[in-house]
Each structure stands twice: as structure tokens, then as C-alpha cells.
Amino acid sequence: MILDYEQKLLGYLDSLIDSADDDELFAAGYLSGHITLSISYCEEHNMVTTDAVNERVYWSLVEAKKELTPRDHELVIELWNSAKQSVLADVL
């Protein structure tokens, strides 16, 4: 189930490539890495719900805040919220 969720999240980010500006492309690439690492963590710890993935991605982004400028962090969080809402809307 979470692998399907990962594919849909990454597919959403990939769909932005044609219309995204440089900041959005950066945010999408950065977020893709956090999604992939979070999915791996969840699989390893037998956390198999979308809620678990969402929480893990969120905390991963919070922990990484110091790596980014405030504006870049804001862009990544906004994109995460958009991706999550879009994918979950398709699932429900």
C-alpha cells in the first residue's frame, strides 16, 4: 500500500516538471528524496499506513529545516501539502 502511495506522490511531483519554475523544480527534487527515504524508513519499521508515511515525511522535513533557507523550506512544505492532498484526494 505505501509503495503505491510513494509512486503516486512521486508521479505528482514528476507531473510538475513541464510547468514548474526553478524554485518549484528544486522543491520537487528535494521533496522526492525525503519521500523516498521516509518510505524506506516506514517499510523497515513496519509502518504501513499513509498516515505513518505522512508523519515521517513531515518530521523529516522539520529536521532538515536547517539545511534550507526559510523561503526554500516554505516552498518544500507547501509542495508537500499540495502533493499529499492531491494524492489522497485520488485515493479516497
PDB file of N, CA and C in Angstrom:
ATOM      1  N   MET A   1       0.811  -1.197   0.000  1.00  0.00           N
ATOM      2  CA  MET A   1       0.000   0.000   0.000  1.00  0.00           C
ATOM      3  C   MET A   1       0.858   1.267   0.000  1.00  0.00           C
ATOM      4  N   ILE A   2       1.902   1.295   0.856  1.00  0.00           N
ATOM      5  CA  ILE A   2       2.689   2.526   0.886  1.00  0.00           C
ATOM      6  C   ILE A   2       3.574   2.680  -0.349  1.00  0.00           C
ATOM      7  N   LEU A   3       3.903   1.588  -1.016  1.00  0.00           N
ATOM      8  CA  LEU A   3       4.672   1.712  -2.258  1.00  0.00           C
ATOM      9  C   LEU A   3       3.823   2.346  -3.348  1.00  0.00           C
ATOM     10  N   ASP A   4       2.548   2.011  -3.369  1.00  0.00           N
ATOM     11  CA  ASP A   4       1.616   2.642  -4.308  1.00  0.00           C
ATOM     12  C   ASP A   4       1.492   4.132  -3.989  1.00  0.00           C
ATOM     13  N   TYR A   5       1.421   4.445  -2.715  1.00  0.00           N
ATOM     14  CA  TYR A   5       1.349   5.841  -2.269  1.00  0.00           C
ATOM     15  C   TYR A   5       2.609   6.591  -2.704  1.00  0.00           C
ATOM     16  N   GLU A   6       3.756   5.964  -2.531  1.00  0.00           N
ATOM     17  CA  GLU A   6       5.016   6.578  -2.954  1.00  0.00           C
ATOM     18  C   GLU A   6       4.995   6.860  -4.450  1.00  0.00           C
ATOM     19  N   GLN A   7       4.581   5.879  -5.238  1.00  0.00           N
ATOM     20  CA  GLN A   7       4.537   6.064  -6.689  1.00  0.00           C
ATOM     21  C   GLN A   7       3.619   7.216  -7.080  1.00  0.00           C
ATOM     22  N   LYS A   8       2.488   7.325  -6.403  1.00  0.00           N
ATOM     23  CA  LYS A   8       1.556   8.412  -6.711  1.00  0.00           C
ATOM     24  C   LYS A   8       2.121   9.768  -6.304  1.00  0.00           C
ATOM     25  N   LEU A   9       2.768   9.829  -5.153  1.00  0.00           N
ATOM     26  CA  LEU A   9       3.387  11.087  -4.721  1.00  0.00           C
ATOM     27  C   LEU A   9       4.483  11.516  -5.694  1.00  0.00           C
ATOM     28  N   LEU A  10       5.356  10.573  -6.040  1.00  0.00           N
ATOM     29  CA  LEU A  10       6.442  10.897  -6.967  1.00  0.00           C
ATOM     30  C   LEU A  10       5.909  11.214  -8.360  1.00  0.00           C
ATOM     31  N   GLY A  11       4.836  10.537  -8.755  1.00  0.00           N
ATOM     32  CA  GLY A  11       4.184  10.848 -10.033  1.00  0.00           C
ATOM     33  C   GLY A  11       3.628  12.261 -10.049  1.00  0.00           C
ATOM     34  N   TYR A  12       3.048  12.662  -8.935  1.00  0.00           N
ATOM     35  CA  TYR A  12       2.539  14.034  -8.818  1.00  0.00           C
ATOM     36  C   TYR A  12       3.684  15.027  -9.005  1.00  0.00           C
ATOM     37  N   LEU A  13       4.789  14.783  -8.323  1.00  0.00           N
ATOM     38  CA  LEU A  13       5.935  15.684  -8.447  1.00  0.00           C
ATOM     39  C   LEU A  13       6.486  15.687  -9.863  1.00  0.00           C
ATOM     40  N   ASP A  14       6.551  14.525 -10.488  1.00  0.00           N
ATOM     41  CA  ASP A  14       7.027  14.442 -11.878  1.00  0.00           C
ATOM     42  C   ASP A  14       6.120  15.204 -12.836  1.00  0.00           C
ATOM     43  N   SER A  15       4.831  15.230 -12.533  1.00  0.00           N
ATOM     44  CA  SER A  15       3.879  15.912 -13.423  1.00  0.00           C
ATOM     45  C   SER A  15       4.080  17.421 -13.436  1.00  0.00           C
ATOM     46  N   LEU A  16       4.803  17.930 -12.468  1.00  0.00           N
ATOM     47  CA  LEU A  16       5.038  19.374 -12.386  1.00  0.00           C
ATOM     48  C   LEU A  16       6.194  19.836 -13.262  1.00  0.00           C
ATOM     49  N   ILE A  17       6.992  18.916 -13.736  1.00  0.00           N
ATOM     50  CA  ILE A  17       8.243  19.259 -14.413  1.00  0.00           C
ATOM     51  C   ILE A  17       8.037  20.200 -15.599  1.00  0.00           C
ATOM     52  N   ASP A  18       7.036  19.955 -16.404  1.00  0.00           N
ATOM     53  CA  ASP A  18       6.843  20.765 -17.605  1.00  0.00           C
ATOM     54  C   ASP A  18       6.437  22.206 -17.310  1.00  0.00           C
ATOM     55  N   SER A  19       5.782  22.436 -16.184  1.00  0.00           N
ATOM     56  CA  SER A  19       5.272  23.778 -15.906  1.00  0.00           C
ATOM     57  C   SER A  19       5.966  24.466 -14.726  1.00  0.00           C
ATOM     58  N   ALA A  20       6.865  23.783 -14.057  1.00  0.00           N
ATOM     59  CA  ALA A  20       7.486  24.323 -12.840  1.00  0.00           C
ATOM     60  C   ALA A  20       8.592  25.326 -13.158  1.00  0.00           C
ATOM     61  N   ASP A  21       8.728  26.305 -12.254  1.00  0.00           N
ATOM     62  CA  ASP A  21       9.866  27.205 -12.357  1.00  0.00           C
ATOM     63  C   ASP A  21      11.044  26.583 -11.599  1.00  0.00           C
ATOM     64  N   ASP A  22      12.162  27.273 -11.576  1.00  0.00           N
ATOM     65  CA  ASP A  22      13.369  26.714 -10.949  1.00  0.00           C
ATOM     66  C   ASP A  22      13.173  26.405  -9.463  1.00  0.00           C
ATOM     67  N   ASP A  23      12.487  27.284  -8.756  1.00  0.00           N
ATOM     68  CA  ASP A  23      12.252  27.049  -7.332  1.00  0.00           C
ATOM     69  C   ASP A  23      11.388  25.814  -7.115  1.00  0.00           C
ATOM     70  N   GLU A  24      10.362  25.660  -7.925  1.00  0.00           N
ATOM     71  CA  GLU A  24       9.473  24.501  -7.803  1.00  0.00           C
ATOM     72  C   GLU A  24      10.196  23.207  -8.165  1.00  0.00           C
ATOM     73  N   LEU A  25      11.060  23.276  -9.168  1.00  0.00           N
ATOM     74  CA  LEU A  25      11.848  22.093  -9.532  1.00  0.00           C
ATOM     75  C   LEU A  25      12.778  21.686  -8.400  1.00  0.00           C
ATOM     76  N   PHE A  26      13.411  22.673  -7.778  1.00  0.00           N
ATOM     77  CA  PHE A  26      14.267  22.377  -6.627  1.00  0.00           C
ATOM     78  C   PHE A  26      13.443  21.719  -5.519  1.00  0.00           C
ATOM     79  N   ALA A  27      12.298  22.321  -5.189  1.00  0.00           N
ATOM     80  CA  ALA A  27      11.449  21.804  -4.110  1.00  0.00           C
ATOM     81  C   ALA A  27      10.994  20.382  -4.424  1.00  0.00           C
ATOM     82  N   ALA A  28      10.637  20.125  -5.678  1.00  0.00           N
ATOM     83  CA  ALA A  28      10.174  18.785  -6.067  1.00  0.00           C
ATOM     84  C   ALA A  28      11.292  17.755  -5.922  1.00  0.00           C
ATOM     85  N   GLY A  29      12.484  18.099  -6.363  1.00  0.00           N
ATOM     86  CA  GLY A  29      13.613  17.176  -6.238  1.00  0.00           C
ATOM     87  C   GLY A  29      13.975  16.927  -4.781  1.00  0.00           C
ATOM     88  N   TYR A  30      13.991  17.973  -4.009  1.00  0.00           N
ATOM     89  CA  TYR A  30      14.316  17.864  -2.583  1.00  0.00           C
ATOM     90  C   TYR A  30      13.270  17.013  -1.875  1.00  0.00           C
ATOM     91  N   LEU A  31      12.006  17.281  -2.152  1.00  0.00           N
ATOM     92  CA  LEU A  31      10.914  16.546  -1.526  1.00  0.00           C
ATOM     93  C   LEU A  31      10.913  15.081  -1.952  1.00  0.00           C
ATOM     94  N   SER A  32      11.237  14.804  -3.202  1.00  0.00           N
ATOM     95  CA  SER A  32      11.300  13.414  -3.677  1.00  0.00           C
ATOM     96  C   SER A  32      12.250  12.582  -2.833  1.00  0.00           C
ATOM     97  N   GLY A  33      13.390  13.157  -2.520  1.00  0.00           N
ATOM     98  CA  GLY A  33      14.359  12.446  -1.688  1.00  0.00           C
ATOM     99  C   GLY A  33      13.810  12.141  -0.303  1.00  0.00           C
ATOM    100  N   HIS A  34      13.137  13.098   0.280  1.00  0.00           N
ATOM    101  CA  HIS A  34      12.561  12.887   1.621  1.00  0.00           C
ATOM    102  C   HIS A  34      11.435  11.854   1.587  1.00  0.00           C
ATOM    103  N   ILE A  35      10.651  11.869   0.531  1.00  0.00           N
ATOM    104  CA  ILE A  35       9.577  10.879   0.405  1.00  0.00           C
ATOM    105  C   ILE A  35      10.174   9.477   0.305  1.00  0.00           C
ATOM    106  N   THR A  36      11.162   9.320  -0.548  1.00  0.00           N
ATOM    107  CA  THR A  36      11.780   8.013  -0.752  1.00  0.00           C
ATOM    108  C   THR A  36      12.425   7.495   0.534  1.00  0.00           C
ATOM    109  N   LEU A  37      13.155   8.357   1.219  1.00  0.00           N
ATOM    110  CA  LEU A  37      13.777   7.941   2.482  1.00  0.00           C
ATOM    111  C   LEU A  37      12.733   7.621   3.548  1.00  0.00           C
ATOM    112  N   SER A  38      11.675   8.381   3.580  1.00  0.00           N
ATOM    113  CA  SER A  38      10.616   8.141   4.568  1.00  0.00           C
ATOM    114  C   SER A  38       9.886   6.835   4.301  1.00  0.00           C
ATOM    115  N   ILE A  39       9.651   6.527   3.040  1.00  0.00           N
ATOM    116  CA  ILE A  39       9.012   5.257   2.681  1.00  0.00           C
ATOM    117  C   ILE A  39       9.908   4.096   3.124  1.00  0.00           C
ATOM    118  N   SER A  40      11.196   4.215   2.855  1.00  0.00           N
ATOM    119  CA  SER A  40      12.135   3.162   3.262  1.00  0.00           C
ATOM    120  C   SER A  40      12.126   2.978   4.773  1.00  0.00           C
ATOM    121  N   TYR A  41      12.124   4.076   5.494  1.00  0.00           N
ATOM    122  CA  TYR A  41      12.076   4.010   6.956  1.00  0.00           C
ATOM    123  C   TYR A  41      10.798   3.306   7.409  1.00  0.00           C
ATOM    124  N   CYS A  42       9.675   3.687   6.832  1.00  0.00           N
ATOM    125  CA  CYS A  42       8.394   3.097   7.221  1.00  0.00           C
ATOM    126  C   CYS A  42       8.352   1.600   6.913  1.00  0.00           C
ATOM    127  N   GLU A  43       8.871   1.211   5.756  1.00  0.00           N
ATOM    128  CA  GLU A  43       8.909  -0.209   5.422  1.00  0.00           C
ATOM    129  C   GLU A  43       9.760  -0.976   6.430  1.00  0.00           C
ATOM    130  N   GLU A  44      10.909  -0.430   6.744  1.00  0.00           N
ATOM    131  CA  GLU A  44      11.840  -1.074   7.664  1.00  0.00           C
ATOM    132  C   GLU A  44      11.244  -1.242   9.060  1.00  0.00           C
ATOM    133  N   HIS A  45      10.383  -0.307   9.458  1.00  0.00           N
ATOM    134  CA  HIS A  45       9.788  -0.329  10.789  1.00  0.00           C
ATOM    135  C   HIS A  45       8.330  -0.798  10.783  1.00  0.00           C
ATOM    136  N   ASN A  46       7.945  -1.435   9.674  1.00  0.00           N
ATOM    137  CA  ASN A  46       6.597  -2.000   9.545  1.00  0.00           C
ATOM    138  C   ASN A  46       5.490  -0.981   9.823  1.00  0.00           C
ATOM    139  N   MET A  47       5.696   0.228   9.339  1.00  0.00           N
ATOM    140  CA  MET A  47       4.706   1.298   9.451  1.00  0.00           C
ATOM    141  C   MET A  47       4.044   1.401   8.082  1.00  0.00           C
ATOM    142  N   VAL A  48       2.892   0.797   7.917  1.00  0.00           N
ATOM    143  CA  VAL A  48       2.361   0.557   6.574  1.00  0.00           C
ATOM    144  C   VAL A  48       1.130   1.392   6.208  1.00  0.00           C
ATOM    145  N   THR A  49       0.911   2.505   6.901  1.00  0.00           N
ATOM    146  CA  THR A  49      -0.239   3.347   6.562  1.00  0.00           C
ATOM    147  C   THR A  49       0.224   4.652   5.930  1.00  0.00           C
ATOM    148  N   THR A  50      -0.675   5.262   5.185  1.00  0.00           N
ATOM    149  CA  THR A  50      -0.357   6.569   4.605  1.00  0.00           C
ATOM    150  C   THR A  50      -0.148   7.607   5.701  1.00  0.00           C
ATOM    151  N   ASP A  51      -0.878   7.483   6.801  1.00  0.00           N
ATOM    152  CA  ASP A  51      -0.688   8.412   7.918  1.00  0.00           C
ATOM    153  C   ASP A  51       0.728   8.317   8.474  1.00  0.00           C
ATOM    154  N   ALA A  52       1.241   7.102   8.583  1.00  0.00           N
ATOM    155  CA  ALA A  52       2.608   6.916   9.079  1.00  0.00           C
ATOM    156  C   ALA A  52       3.617   7.553   8.129  1.00  0.00           C
ATOM    157  N   VAL A  53       3.396   7.366   6.829  1.00  0.00           N
ATOM    158  CA  VAL A  53       4.283   7.972   5.837  1.00  0.00           C
ATOM    159  C   VAL A  53       4.212   9.492   5.923  1.00  0.00           C
ATOM    160  N   ASN A  54       2.995  10.022   5.981  1.00  0.00           N
ATOM    161  CA  ASN A  54       2.825  11.470   6.056  1.00  0.00           C
ATOM    162  C   ASN A  54       3.534  12.055   7.260  1.00  0.00           C
ATOM    163  N   GLU A  55       3.412  11.392   8.396  1.00  0.00           N
ATOM    164  CA  GLU A  55       4.068  11.867   9.609  1.00  0.00           C
ATOM    165  C   GLU A  55       5.580  11.801   9.473  1.00  0.00           C
ATOM    166  N   ARG A  56       6.072  10.711   8.898  1.00  0.00           N
ATOM    167  CA  ARG A  56       7.521  10.546   8.735  1.00  0.00           C
ATOM    168  C   ARG A  56       8.086  11.598   7.780  1.00  0.00           C
ATOM    169  N   VAL A  57       7.401  11.863   6.673  1.00  0.00           N
ATOM    170  CA  VAL A  57       7.870  12.891   5.737  1.00  0.00           C
ATOM    171  C   VAL A  57       7.869  14.251   6.431  1.00  0.00           C
ATOM    172  N   TYR A  58       6.796  14.557   7.119  1.00  0.00           N
ATOM    173  CA  TYR A  58       6.706  15.832   7.814  1.00  0.00           C
ATOM    174  C   TYR A  58       7.879  16.017   8.778  1.00  0.00           C
ATOM    175  N   TRP A  59       8.137  15.013   9.609  1.00  0.00           N
ATOM    176  CA  TRP A  59       9.219  15.145  10.585  1.00  0.00           C
ATOM    177  C   TRP A  59      10.584  15.167   9.914  1.00  0.00           C
ATOM    178  N   SER A  60      10.711  14.485   8.803  1.00  0.00           N
ATOM    179  CA  SER A  60      11.958  14.536   8.045  1.00  0.00           C
ATOM    180  C   SER A  60      12.211  15.957   7.543  1.00  0.00           C
ATOM    181  N   LEU A  61      11.150  16.611   7.074  1.00  0.00           N
ATOM    182  CA  LEU A  61      11.278  17.990   6.587  1.00  0.00           C
ATOM    183  C   LEU A  61      11.542  18.963   7.736  1.00  0.00           C
ATOM    184  N   VAL A  62      10.942  18.725   8.876  1.00  0.00           N
ATOM    185  CA  VAL A  62      11.198  19.573  10.045  1.00  0.00           C
ATOM    186  C   VAL A  62      12.663  19.464  10.450  1.00  0.00           C
ATOM    187  N   GLU A  63      13.165  18.237  10.487  1.00  0.00           N
ATOM    188  CA  GLU A  63      14.568  18.014  10.867  1.00  0.00           C
ATOM    189  C   GLU A  63      15.532  18.634   9.865  1.00  0.00           C
ATOM    190  N   ALA A  64      15.135  18.717   8.606  1.00  0.00           N
ATOM    191  CA  ALA A  64      16.007  19.237   7.558  1.00  0.00           C
ATOM    192  C   ALA A  64      15.890  20.754   7.390  1.00  0.00           C
ATOM    193  N   LYS A  65      15.063  21.375   8.181  1.00  0.00           N
ATOM    194  CA  LYS A  65      14.815  22.814   8.039  1.00  0.00           C
ATOM    195  C   LYS A  65      16.105  23.631   8.021  1.00  0.00           C
ATOM    196  N   LYS A  66      17.063  23.243   8.836  1.00  0.00           N
ATOM    197  CA  LYS A  66      18.321  23.998   8.924  1.00  0.00           C
ATOM    198  C   LYS A  66      19.152  23.904   7.645  1.00  0.00           C
ATOM    199  N   GLU A  67      18.844  22.947   6.783  1.00  0.00           N
ATOM    200  CA  GLU A  67      19.579  22.800   5.522  1.00  0.00           C
ATOM    201  C   GLU A  67      19.131  23.817   4.467  1.00  0.00           C
ATOM    202  N   LEU A  68      17.973  24.412   4.676  1.00  0.00           N
ATOM    203  CA  LEU A  68      17.357  25.261   3.660  1.00  0.00           C
ATOM    204  C   LEU A  68      17.215  26.699   4.131  1.00  0.00           C
ATOM    205  N   THR A  69      17.097  27.594   3.170  1.00  0.00           N
ATOM    206  CA  THR A  69      16.714  28.958   3.517  1.00  0.00           C
ATOM    207  C   THR A  69      15.255  28.922   3.969  1.00  0.00           C
ATOM    208  N   PRO A  70      14.823  29.913   4.725  1.00  0.00           N
ATOM    209  CA  PRO A  70      13.418  29.920   5.134  1.00  0.00           C
ATOM    210  C   PRO A  70      12.451  29.850   3.943  1.00  0.00           C
ATOM    211  N   ARG A  71      12.753  30.552   2.863  1.00  0.00           N
ATOM    212  CA  ARG A  71      11.873  30.532   1.686  1.00  0.00           C
ATOM    213  C   ARG A  71      11.864  29.159   1.033  1.00  0.00           C
ATOM    214  N   ASP A  72      13.017  28.526   0.897  1.00  0.00           N
ATOM    215  CA  ASP A  72      13.066  27.186   0.303  1.00  0.00           C
ATOM    216  C   ASP A  72      12.302  26.182   1.163  1.00  0.00           C
ATOM    217  N   HIS A  73      12.453  26.294   2.475  1.00  0.00           N
ATOM    218  CA  HIS A  73      11.733  25.392   3.370  1.00  0.00           C
ATOM    219  C   HIS A  73      10.230  25.585   3.209  1.00  0.00           C
ATOM    220  N   GLU A  74       9.806  26.810   3.112  1.00  0.00           N
ATOM    221  CA  GLU A  74       8.389  27.109   2.914  1.00  0.00           C
ATOM    222  C   GLU A  74       7.878  26.502   1.602  1.00  0.00           C
ATOM    223  N   LEU A  75       8.667  26.630   0.543  1.00  0.00           N
ATOM    224  CA  LEU A  75       8.284  26.047  -0.753  1.00  0.00           C
ATOM    225  C   LEU A  75       8.141  24.531  -0.666  1.00  0.00           C
ATOM    226  N   VAL A  76       9.081  23.896   0.007  1.00  0.00           N
ATOM    227  CA  VAL A  76       9.050  22.435   0.133  1.00  0.00           C
ATOM    228  C   VAL A  76       7.826  21.996   0.936  1.00  0.00           C
ATOM    229  N   ILE A  77       7.541  22.683   2.037  1.00  0.00           N
ATOM    230  CA  ILE A  77       6.381  22.341   2.862  1.00  0.00           C
ATOM    231  C   ILE A  77       5.087  22.557   2.073  1.00  0.00           C
ATOM    232  N   GLU A  78       5.002  23.662   1.352  1.00  0.00           N
ATOM    233  CA  GLU A  78       3.808  23.929   0.536  1.00  0.00           C
ATOM    234  C   GLU A  78       3.621  22.839  -0.519  1.00  0.00           C
ATOM    235  N   LEU A  79       4.706  22.450  -1.156  1.00  0.00           N
ATOM    236  CA  LEU A  79       4.622  21.410  -2.175  1.00  0.00           C
ATOM    237  C   LEU A  79       4.235  20.072  -1.546  1.00  0.00           C
ATOM    238  N   TRP A  80       4.775  19.761  -0.384  1.00  0.00           N
ATOM    239  CA  TRP A  80       4.414  18.528   0.313  1.00  0.00           C
ATOM    240  C   TRP A  80       2.916  18.514   0.608  1.00  0.00           C
ATOM    241  N   ASN A  81       2.405  19.617   1.115  1.00  0.00           N
ATOM    242  CA  ASN A  81       0.976  19.679   1.420  1.00  0.00           C
ATOM    243  C   ASN A  81       0.125  19.521   0.167  1.00  0.00           C
ATOM    244  N   SER A  82       0.541  20.141  -0.936  1.00  0.00           N
ATOM    245  CA  SER A  82      -0.198  20.008  -2.203  1.00  0.00           C
ATOM    246  C   SER A  82      -0.159  18.581  -2.735  1.00  0.00           C
ATOM    247  N   ALA A  83       1.016  17.976  -2.701  1.00  0.00           N
ATOM    248  CA  ALA A  83       1.165  16.601  -3.201  1.00  0.00           C
ATOM    249  C   ALA A  83       0.320  15.642  -2.381  1.00  0.00           C
ATOM    250  N   LYS A  84       0.423  15.778  -1.083  1.00  0.00           N
ATOM    251  CA  LYS A  84      -0.313  14.900  -0.171  1.00  0.00           C
ATOM    252  C   LYS A  84      -1.824  15.041  -0.389  1.00  0.00           C
ATOM    253  N   GLN A  85      -2.301  16.274  -0.457  1.00  0.00           N
ATOM    254  CA  GLN A  85      -3.741  16.498  -0.650  1.00  0.00           C
ATOM    255  C   GLN A  85      -4.213  15.964  -1.992  1.00  0.00           C
ATOM    256  N   SER A  86      -3.443  16.190  -3.032  1.00  0.00           N
ATOM    257  CA  SER A  86      -3.828  15.735  -4.359  1.00  0.00           C
ATOM    258  C   SER A  86      -3.887  14.216  -4.437  1.00  0.00           C
ATOM    259  N   VAL A  87      -2.866  13.562  -3.916  1.00  0.00           N
ATOM    260  CA  VAL A  87      -2.800  12.094  -3.978  1.00  0.00           C
ATOM    261  C   VAL A  87      -3.868  11.472  -3.093  1.00  0.00           C
ATOM    262  N   LEU A  88      -4.050  11.994  -1.902  1.00  0.00           N
ATOM    263  CA  LEU A  88      -5.063  11.446  -1.003  1.00  0.00           C
ATOM    264  C   LEU A  88      -6.476  11.661  -1.550  1.00  0.00           C
ATOM    265  N   ALA A  89      -6.698  12.764  -2.254  1.00  0.00           N
ATOM    266  CA  ALA A  89      -7.997  13.020  -2.865  1.00  0.00           C
ATOM    267  C   ALA A  89      -8.297  11.973  -3.932  1.00  0.00           C
ATOM    268  N   ASP A  90      -7.264  11.545  -4.656  1.00  0.00           N
ATOM    269  CA  ASP A  90      -7.439  10.496  -5.678  1.00  0.00           C
ATOM    270  C   ASP A  90      -7.698   9.140  -5.050  1.00  0.00           C
ATOM    271  N   VAL A  91      -7.120   8.894  -3.879  1.00  0.00           N
ATOM    272  CA  VAL A  91      -7.263   7.610  -3.206  1.00  0.00           C
ATOM    273  C   VAL A  91      -8.652   7.459  -2.613  1.00  0.00           C
ATOM    274  N   LEU A  92      -9.182   8.537  -2.077  1.00  0.00           N
ATOM    275  CA  LEU A  92     -10.482   8.487  -1.388  1.00  0.00           C
ATOM    276  C   LEU A  92     -11.628   8.548  -2.324  1.00  0.00           C
TER     277      LEU A  92
END
